[in-house]
């Protein structure tokens, strides 16, 4: 398995959770909260580990530097929205509207990564490095999610 496959697998999980949350009604506040409590650490860890393992390397390469910087900035916007949503009651239209913005941004970001950033990265990173990045990514993400576990038990 390489870094590209890991990133795409994370995207699929995020798409599933985003879709499940989108289908909830305001009266499903408890279900919505539970799904969001699963989504938030997944997205946060994905982004932070992706930045440290994948985009940090791509920033060093002229051909991929701009894409890496753009992706990192999009991650920061997502982090802000996640924090805002986490501080709001989930059972109303304001939360739903803000979640819609988050969903659009995350889906746009994932599509852009899959259609542009990953193919460009494959041109500049060799296969051995992509496999090594996958191992490091998995280790760091697992450790990060484990560290966040008490936060999820709200």
N, C-alpha and C. Protein backbone atom coordinates (compact mmCIF):
# COMPACT_ATOMS: atom_id res chain seq x y z
N UNK A 1 0.85 -1.18 0.00
CA UNK A 1 0.00 0.00 0.00
C UNK A 1 0.89 1.25 0.00
N UNK A 2 0.44 2.26 -0.74
CA UNK A 2 1.22 3.49 -0.78
C UNK A 2 0.40 4.66 -0.23
N UNK A 3 1.03 5.81 -0.16
CA UNK A 3 0.41 6.99 0.44
C UNK A 3 -0.85 7.40 -0.32
N UNK A 4 -0.87 7.18 -1.62
CA UNK A 4 -2.03 7.57 -2.42
C UNK A 4 -3.25 6.73 -2.06
N UNK A 5 -3.03 5.44 -1.89
CA UNK A 5 -4.13 4.54 -1.52
C UNK A 5 -4.66 4.88 -0.12
N UNK A 6 -3.75 5.20 0.79
CA UNK A 6 -4.15 5.56 2.16
C UNK A 6 -4.99 6.83 2.15
N UNK A 7 -4.55 7.82 1.42
CA UNK A 7 -5.28 9.09 1.35
C UNK A 7 -6.67 8.86 0.77
N UNK A 8 -6.75 8.09 -0.30
CA UNK A 8 -8.05 7.83 -0.93
C UNK A 8 -8.96 7.04 0.02
N UNK A 9 -8.41 6.09 0.76
CA UNK A 9 -9.22 5.33 1.73
C UNK A 9 -9.77 6.27 2.81
N UNK A 10 -8.95 7.20 3.28
CA UNK A 10 -9.43 8.19 4.25
C UNK A 10 -10.53 9.06 3.65
N UNK A 11 -10.37 9.42 2.39
CA UNK A 11 -11.39 10.23 1.72
C UNK A 11 -12.72 9.48 1.65
N UNK A 12 -12.66 8.19 1.36
CA UNK A 12 -13.89 7.41 1.28
C UNK A 12 -14.60 7.36 2.63
N UNK A 13 -13.84 7.22 3.70
CA UNK A 13 -14.43 7.23 5.04
C UNK A 13 -15.06 8.59 5.33
N UNK A 14 -14.37 9.66 4.98
CA UNK A 14 -14.89 11.00 5.20
C UNK A 14 -16.17 11.22 4.38
N UNK A 15 -16.18 10.77 3.13
CA UNK A 15 -17.37 10.91 2.29
C UNK A 15 -18.56 10.18 2.92
N UNK A 16 -18.31 8.99 3.44
CA UNK A 16 -19.38 8.21 4.06
C UNK A 16 -19.96 8.95 5.26
N UNK A 17 -19.08 9.44 6.13
CA UNK A 17 -19.54 10.15 7.32
C UNK A 17 -20.23 11.47 6.96
N UNK A 18 -19.68 12.20 6.03
CA UNK A 18 -20.32 13.45 5.59
C UNK A 18 -21.71 13.18 5.06
N UNK A 19 -21.85 12.13 4.27
CA UNK A 19 -23.15 11.77 3.71
C UNK A 19 -24.14 11.36 4.79
N UNK A 20 -23.68 10.60 5.76
CA UNK A 20 -24.56 10.18 6.85
C UNK A 20 -25.03 11.38 7.67
N UNK A 21 -24.13 12.29 7.94
CA UNK A 21 -24.49 13.49 8.71
C UNK A 21 -25.47 14.34 7.90
N UNK A 22 -25.20 14.51 6.61
CA UNK A 22 -26.06 15.33 5.75
C UNK A 22 -27.50 14.80 5.76
N UNK A 23 -27.68 13.48 5.86
CA UNK A 23 -29.01 12.87 5.83
C UNK A 23 -29.79 13.05 7.13
N UNK A 24 -29.10 13.45 8.21
CA UNK A 24 -29.80 13.60 9.49
C UNK A 24 -30.69 14.83 9.46
N UNK A 25 -31.71 14.78 10.27
CA UNK A 25 -32.63 15.91 10.44
C UNK A 25 -32.26 16.64 11.73
N UNK A 26 -32.73 17.87 11.85
CA UNK A 26 -32.44 18.64 13.06
C UNK A 26 -32.94 17.92 14.31
N UNK A 27 -34.01 17.15 14.17
CA UNK A 27 -34.55 16.40 15.31
C UNK A 27 -33.67 15.20 15.69
N UNK A 28 -32.69 14.87 14.84
CA UNK A 28 -31.76 13.78 15.11
C UNK A 28 -30.47 14.31 15.74
N UNK A 29 -30.59 15.27 16.63
CA UNK A 29 -29.41 15.92 17.20
C UNK A 29 -28.43 14.96 17.83
N UNK A 30 -28.93 13.96 18.54
CA UNK A 30 -28.03 13.00 19.20
C UNK A 30 -27.27 12.15 18.18
N UNK A 31 -27.97 11.67 17.17
CA UNK A 31 -27.32 10.89 16.11
C UNK A 31 -26.31 11.75 15.37
N UNK A 32 -26.71 12.98 15.06
CA UNK A 32 -25.83 13.92 14.35
C UNK A 32 -24.57 14.18 15.18
N UNK A 33 -24.75 14.38 16.48
CA UNK A 33 -23.60 14.63 17.37
C UNK A 33 -22.66 13.44 17.39
N UNK A 34 -23.21 12.25 17.44
CA UNK A 34 -22.38 11.04 17.46
C UNK A 34 -21.58 10.89 16.17
N UNK A 35 -22.24 11.10 15.04
CA UNK A 35 -21.53 11.01 13.75
C UNK A 35 -20.47 12.09 13.63
N UNK A 36 -20.79 13.31 14.08
CA UNK A 36 -19.82 14.40 14.02
C UNK A 36 -18.63 14.11 14.93
N UNK A 37 -18.90 13.48 16.08
CA UNK A 37 -17.82 13.12 17.01
C UNK A 37 -16.89 12.08 16.39
N UNK A 38 -17.37 11.33 15.43
CA UNK A 38 -16.52 10.38 14.70
C UNK A 38 -15.79 11.09 13.56
N UNK A 39 -16.48 12.00 12.88
CA UNK A 39 -15.90 12.71 11.73
C UNK A 39 -14.77 13.65 12.14
N UNK A 40 -14.99 14.44 13.17
CA UNK A 40 -14.04 15.49 13.53
C UNK A 40 -12.62 14.97 13.76
N UNK A 41 -12.41 13.98 14.64
CA UNK A 41 -11.02 13.53 14.84
C UNK A 41 -10.44 12.85 13.59
N UNK A 42 -11.29 12.18 12.84
CA UNK A 42 -10.81 11.56 11.59
C UNK A 42 -10.26 12.61 10.63
N UNK A 43 -11.05 13.66 10.42
CA UNK A 43 -10.59 14.73 9.52
C UNK A 43 -9.36 15.44 10.06
N UNK A 44 -9.39 15.75 11.35
CA UNK A 44 -8.25 16.47 11.94
C UNK A 44 -6.96 15.66 11.82
N UNK A 45 -7.03 14.39 12.18
CA UNK A 45 -5.82 13.56 12.10
C UNK A 45 -5.38 13.37 10.67
N UNK A 46 -6.33 13.13 9.78
CA UNK A 46 -5.99 12.97 8.36
C UNK A 46 -5.22 14.20 7.88
N UNK A 47 -5.78 15.37 8.15
CA UNK A 47 -5.16 16.60 7.67
C UNK A 47 -3.79 16.84 8.26
N UNK A 48 -3.67 16.70 9.56
CA UNK A 48 -2.40 17.02 10.22
C UNK A 48 -1.32 16.02 9.86
N UNK A 49 -1.67 14.77 9.78
CA UNK A 49 -0.66 13.77 9.41
C UNK A 49 -0.33 13.89 7.92
N UNK A 50 -1.33 14.16 7.10
CA UNK A 50 -1.08 14.36 5.67
C UNK A 50 -0.12 15.53 5.45
N UNK A 51 -0.32 16.60 6.22
CA UNK A 51 0.59 17.74 6.11
C UNK A 51 2.01 17.36 6.52
N UNK A 52 2.14 16.64 7.62
CA UNK A 52 3.46 16.30 8.13
C UNK A 52 4.21 15.27 7.31
N UNK A 53 3.48 14.34 6.72
CA UNK A 53 4.13 13.25 6.00
C UNK A 53 4.18 13.50 4.49
N UNK A 54 3.09 13.96 3.93
CA UNK A 54 2.94 14.06 2.48
C UNK A 54 3.25 15.47 1.98
N UNK A 55 2.50 16.44 2.47
CA UNK A 55 2.67 17.80 1.95
C UNK A 55 3.98 18.45 2.36
N UNK A 56 4.54 18.03 3.49
CA UNK A 56 5.84 18.60 3.87
C UNK A 56 6.89 18.25 2.82
N UNK A 57 6.82 17.06 2.25
CA UNK A 57 7.76 16.66 1.20
C UNK A 57 7.44 17.39 -0.11
N UNK A 58 6.15 17.50 -0.43
CA UNK A 58 5.77 18.15 -1.69
C UNK A 58 6.08 19.65 -1.67
N UNK A 59 6.13 20.26 -0.49
CA UNK A 59 6.51 21.68 -0.39
C UNK A 59 7.96 21.90 -0.80
N UNK A 60 8.78 20.87 -0.67
CA UNK A 60 10.21 21.00 -0.99
C UNK A 60 10.47 20.92 -2.49
N UNK A 61 9.47 20.53 -3.27
CA UNK A 61 9.64 20.31 -4.70
C UNK A 61 8.93 21.43 -5.46
N UNK A 62 9.67 22.11 -6.33
CA UNK A 62 9.11 23.27 -7.04
C UNK A 62 7.80 22.94 -7.76
N UNK A 63 7.73 21.80 -8.43
CA UNK A 63 6.54 21.46 -9.23
C UNK A 63 5.29 21.23 -8.40
N UNK A 64 5.44 20.94 -7.12
CA UNK A 64 4.27 20.63 -6.28
C UNK A 64 4.10 21.59 -5.10
N UNK A 65 5.00 22.53 -4.98
CA UNK A 65 4.96 23.45 -3.83
C UNK A 65 3.64 24.22 -3.73
N UNK A 66 3.19 24.82 -4.81
CA UNK A 66 1.97 25.63 -4.77
C UNK A 66 0.76 24.79 -4.38
N UNK A 67 0.65 23.59 -4.93
CA UNK A 67 -0.47 22.70 -4.58
C UNK A 67 -0.42 22.33 -3.10
N UNK A 68 0.78 22.05 -2.61
CA UNK A 68 0.92 21.68 -1.20
C UNK A 68 0.50 22.83 -0.30
N UNK A 69 0.92 24.03 -0.63
CA UNK A 69 0.55 25.19 0.19
C UNK A 69 -0.96 25.45 0.14
N UNK A 70 -1.55 25.29 -1.03
CA UNK A 70 -3.00 25.45 -1.16
C UNK A 70 -3.74 24.43 -0.30
N UNK A 71 -3.30 23.17 -0.37
CA UNK A 71 -3.95 22.11 0.41
C UNK A 71 -3.84 22.38 1.90
N UNK A 72 -2.69 22.80 2.34
CA UNK A 72 -2.49 23.09 3.76
C UNK A 72 -3.41 24.23 4.21
N UNK A 73 -3.54 25.24 3.40
CA UNK A 73 -4.44 26.35 3.74
C UNK A 73 -5.89 25.91 3.78
N UNK A 74 -6.29 25.03 2.88
CA UNK A 74 -7.65 24.50 2.92
C UNK A 74 -7.87 23.70 4.20
N UNK A 75 -6.85 22.95 4.62
CA UNK A 75 -6.95 22.19 5.87
C UNK A 75 -7.23 23.13 7.05
N UNK A 76 -6.57 24.26 7.06
CA UNK A 76 -6.73 25.20 8.17
C UNK A 76 -8.15 25.77 8.21
N UNK A 77 -8.73 26.00 7.05
CA UNK A 77 -10.12 26.47 7.00
C UNK A 77 -11.04 25.37 7.53
N UNK A 78 -10.80 24.13 7.13
CA UNK A 78 -11.60 23.00 7.61
C UNK A 78 -11.49 22.90 9.13
N UNK A 79 -10.29 23.01 9.67
CA UNK A 79 -10.10 22.95 11.13
C UNK A 79 -10.95 24.00 11.84
N UNK A 80 -10.97 25.21 11.31
CA UNK A 80 -11.77 26.28 11.92
C UNK A 80 -13.25 25.95 11.91
N UNK A 81 -13.74 25.43 10.79
CA UNK A 81 -15.15 25.05 10.70
C UNK A 81 -15.48 23.90 11.65
N UNK A 82 -14.58 22.93 11.76
CA UNK A 82 -14.80 21.83 12.70
C UNK A 82 -14.93 22.33 14.13
N UNK A 83 -14.07 23.27 14.51
CA UNK A 83 -14.13 23.83 15.87
C UNK A 83 -15.41 24.61 16.09
N UNK A 84 -15.81 25.40 15.10
CA UNK A 84 -17.06 26.16 15.22
C UNK A 84 -18.25 25.22 15.36
N UNK A 85 -18.31 24.19 14.53
CA UNK A 85 -19.41 23.22 14.59
C UNK A 85 -19.43 22.49 15.93
N UNK A 86 -18.27 22.17 16.43
CA UNK A 86 -18.17 21.44 17.69
C UNK A 86 -18.73 22.26 18.86
N UNK A 87 -18.68 23.56 18.74
CA UNK A 87 -19.13 24.44 19.82
C UNK A 87 -20.61 24.80 19.71
N UNK A 88 -21.27 24.34 18.65
CA UNK A 88 -22.67 24.70 18.42
C UNK A 88 -23.59 23.52 18.73
N UNK A 89 -24.84 23.80 19.11
CA UNK A 89 -25.82 22.72 19.23
C UNK A 89 -26.08 22.13 17.84
N UNK A 90 -26.18 20.82 17.76
CA UNK A 90 -26.31 20.17 16.46
C UNK A 90 -27.75 20.05 15.97
N UNK A 91 -28.70 20.46 16.77
CA UNK A 91 -30.10 20.21 16.44
C UNK A 91 -30.82 21.42 15.86
N UNK A 92 -30.12 22.18 15.01
CA UNK A 92 -30.78 23.35 14.41
C UNK A 92 -30.26 23.66 13.01
N UNK A 93 -30.97 24.57 12.36
CA UNK A 93 -30.63 24.90 10.98
C UNK A 93 -29.32 25.67 10.84
N UNK A 94 -28.90 26.39 11.87
CA UNK A 94 -27.60 27.09 11.81
C UNK A 94 -26.46 26.08 11.73
N UNK A 95 -26.53 25.03 12.55
CA UNK A 95 -25.50 23.99 12.51
C UNK A 95 -25.52 23.33 11.14
N UNK A 96 -26.71 23.00 10.66
CA UNK A 96 -26.85 22.33 9.37
C UNK A 96 -26.26 23.19 8.24
N UNK A 97 -26.50 24.49 8.28
CA UNK A 97 -25.98 25.38 7.24
C UNK A 97 -24.45 25.42 7.27
N UNK A 98 -23.89 25.55 8.46
CA UNK A 98 -22.42 25.59 8.58
C UNK A 98 -21.83 24.24 8.16
N UNK A 99 -22.51 23.16 8.55
CA UNK A 99 -22.04 21.84 8.14
C UNK A 99 -22.05 21.72 6.61
N UNK A 100 -23.04 22.30 5.96
CA UNK A 100 -23.09 22.28 4.49
C UNK A 100 -21.86 22.94 3.88
N UNK A 101 -21.42 24.03 4.49
CA UNK A 101 -20.20 24.71 4.02
C UNK A 101 -18.99 23.79 4.21
N UNK A 102 -18.89 23.17 5.37
CA UNK A 102 -17.80 22.24 5.63
C UNK A 102 -17.81 21.10 4.61
N UNK A 103 -18.96 20.52 4.39
CA UNK A 103 -19.09 19.39 3.46
C UNK A 103 -18.63 19.79 2.06
N UNK A 104 -19.09 20.94 1.59
CA UNK A 104 -18.69 21.41 0.26
C UNK A 104 -17.18 21.61 0.17
N UNK A 105 -16.60 22.23 1.19
CA UNK A 105 -15.16 22.49 1.18
C UNK A 105 -14.36 21.19 1.21
N UNK A 106 -14.75 20.27 2.09
CA UNK A 106 -14.03 19.00 2.20
C UNK A 106 -14.16 18.19 0.91
N UNK A 107 -15.35 18.14 0.35
CA UNK A 107 -15.54 17.38 -0.89
C UNK A 107 -14.76 18.00 -2.05
N UNK A 108 -14.75 19.32 -2.12
CA UNK A 108 -13.95 20.01 -3.15
C UNK A 108 -12.47 19.69 -2.97
N UNK A 109 -12.01 19.77 -1.74
CA UNK A 109 -10.61 19.51 -1.43
C UNK A 109 -10.22 18.07 -1.81
N UNK A 110 -11.06 17.11 -1.45
CA UNK A 110 -10.76 15.71 -1.75
C UNK A 110 -10.73 15.47 -3.26
N UNK A 111 -11.70 16.05 -3.97
CA UNK A 111 -11.75 15.90 -5.43
C UNK A 111 -10.48 16.49 -6.06
N UNK A 112 -10.09 17.67 -5.60
CA UNK A 112 -8.90 18.33 -6.13
C UNK A 112 -7.65 17.50 -5.85
N UNK A 113 -7.56 16.96 -4.63
CA UNK A 113 -6.42 16.10 -4.32
C UNK A 113 -6.38 14.89 -5.25
N UNK A 114 -7.50 14.23 -5.39
CA UNK A 114 -7.54 12.99 -6.17
C UNK A 114 -7.32 13.23 -7.66
N UNK A 115 -7.84 14.32 -8.18
CA UNK A 115 -7.76 14.58 -9.62
C UNK A 115 -6.50 15.34 -10.04
N UNK A 116 -5.93 16.12 -9.12
CA UNK A 116 -4.78 16.95 -9.49
C UNK A 116 -3.55 16.68 -8.63
N UNK A 117 -3.68 16.83 -7.30
CA UNK A 117 -2.51 16.77 -6.43
C UNK A 117 -1.87 15.39 -6.43
N UNK A 118 -2.66 14.33 -6.28
CA UNK A 118 -2.07 12.99 -6.22
C UNK A 118 -1.40 12.61 -7.55
N UNK A 119 -2.04 12.84 -8.70
CA UNK A 119 -1.34 12.55 -9.95
C UNK A 119 -0.04 13.34 -10.12
N UNK A 120 -0.05 14.60 -9.69
CA UNK A 120 1.17 15.40 -9.77
C UNK A 120 2.24 14.86 -8.83
N UNK A 121 1.83 14.44 -7.65
CA UNK A 121 2.78 13.88 -6.68
C UNK A 121 3.41 12.60 -7.21
N UNK A 122 2.62 11.78 -7.89
CA UNK A 122 3.15 10.52 -8.44
C UNK A 122 4.27 10.78 -9.45
N UNK A 123 4.27 11.95 -10.06
CA UNK A 123 5.30 12.29 -11.04
C UNK A 123 6.63 12.66 -10.36
N UNK A 124 6.57 13.09 -9.10
CA UNK A 124 7.79 13.58 -8.46
C UNK A 124 8.27 12.71 -7.29
N UNK A 125 7.42 11.81 -6.79
CA UNK A 125 7.80 10.93 -5.68
C UNK A 125 7.97 9.51 -6.20
N UNK A 126 9.06 8.87 -5.83
CA UNK A 126 9.23 7.50 -6.31
C UNK A 126 8.37 6.54 -5.49
N UNK A 127 8.16 5.35 -6.04
CA UNK A 127 7.24 4.36 -5.45
C UNK A 127 7.69 3.92 -4.05
N UNK A 128 9.00 3.77 -3.86
CA UNK A 128 9.49 3.35 -2.53
C UNK A 128 9.17 4.41 -1.48
N UNK A 129 9.36 5.66 -1.82
CA UNK A 129 9.05 6.74 -0.89
C UNK A 129 7.54 6.78 -0.60
N UNK A 130 6.72 6.55 -1.61
CA UNK A 130 5.26 6.55 -1.42
C UNK A 130 4.84 5.43 -0.48
N UNK A 131 5.49 4.28 -0.55
CA UNK A 131 5.19 3.18 0.37
C UNK A 131 5.67 3.50 1.79
N UNK A 132 6.85 4.08 1.88
CA UNK A 132 7.39 4.47 3.19
C UNK A 132 6.49 5.53 3.85
N UNK A 133 6.04 6.48 3.05
CA UNK A 133 5.13 7.51 3.57
C UNK A 133 3.84 6.88 4.11
N UNK A 134 3.34 5.85 3.44
CA UNK A 134 2.12 5.18 3.88
C UNK A 134 2.30 4.57 5.26
N UNK A 135 3.44 3.93 5.48
CA UNK A 135 3.71 3.32 6.78
C UNK A 135 3.77 4.39 7.88
N UNK A 136 4.51 5.44 7.61
CA UNK A 136 4.65 6.51 8.59
C UNK A 136 3.31 7.18 8.85
N UNK A 137 2.56 7.42 7.79
CA UNK A 137 1.24 8.04 7.89
C UNK A 137 0.34 7.20 8.80
N UNK A 138 0.28 5.90 8.56
CA UNK A 138 -0.58 5.02 9.36
C UNK A 138 -0.18 5.05 10.84
N UNK A 139 1.12 4.99 11.10
CA UNK A 139 1.61 5.01 12.49
C UNK A 139 1.22 6.30 13.18
N UNK A 140 1.46 7.42 12.51
CA UNK A 140 1.17 8.72 13.11
C UNK A 140 -0.33 8.94 13.29
N UNK A 141 -1.12 8.54 12.32
CA UNK A 141 -2.57 8.73 12.42
C UNK A 141 -3.14 7.88 13.55
N UNK A 142 -2.70 6.64 13.65
CA UNK A 142 -3.18 5.76 14.72
C UNK A 142 -2.81 6.34 16.08
N UNK A 143 -1.57 6.78 16.22
CA UNK A 143 -1.13 7.37 17.49
C UNK A 143 -1.92 8.63 17.81
N UNK A 144 -2.18 9.45 16.81
CA UNK A 144 -2.93 10.67 17.03
C UNK A 144 -4.37 10.40 17.43
N UNK A 145 -5.01 9.46 16.77
CA UNK A 145 -6.39 9.12 17.13
C UNK A 145 -6.46 8.52 18.53
N UNK A 146 -5.46 7.71 18.85
CA UNK A 146 -5.41 7.15 20.21
C UNK A 146 -5.28 8.26 21.25
N UNK A 147 -4.46 9.26 20.94
CA UNK A 147 -4.27 10.38 21.86
C UNK A 147 -5.54 11.21 22.04
N UNK A 148 -6.38 11.26 21.00
CA UNK A 148 -7.62 12.02 21.07
C UNK A 148 -8.77 11.25 21.72
N UNK A 149 -8.60 9.98 21.94
CA UNK A 149 -9.68 9.14 22.43
C UNK A 149 -10.44 9.72 23.63
N UNK A 150 -9.78 10.22 24.67
CA UNK A 150 -10.55 10.77 25.79
C UNK A 150 -11.45 11.93 25.38
N UNK A 151 -11.03 12.72 24.37
CA UNK A 151 -11.84 13.84 23.90
C UNK A 151 -13.13 13.34 23.26
N UNK A 152 -13.10 12.17 22.65
CA UNK A 152 -14.27 11.65 21.96
C UNK A 152 -15.31 11.14 22.94
N UNK A 153 -14.95 10.89 24.17
CA UNK A 153 -15.86 10.30 25.15
C UNK A 153 -16.69 11.36 25.87
N UNK A 154 -17.00 12.45 25.20
CA UNK A 154 -17.77 13.56 25.80
C UNK A 154 -19.13 13.09 26.29
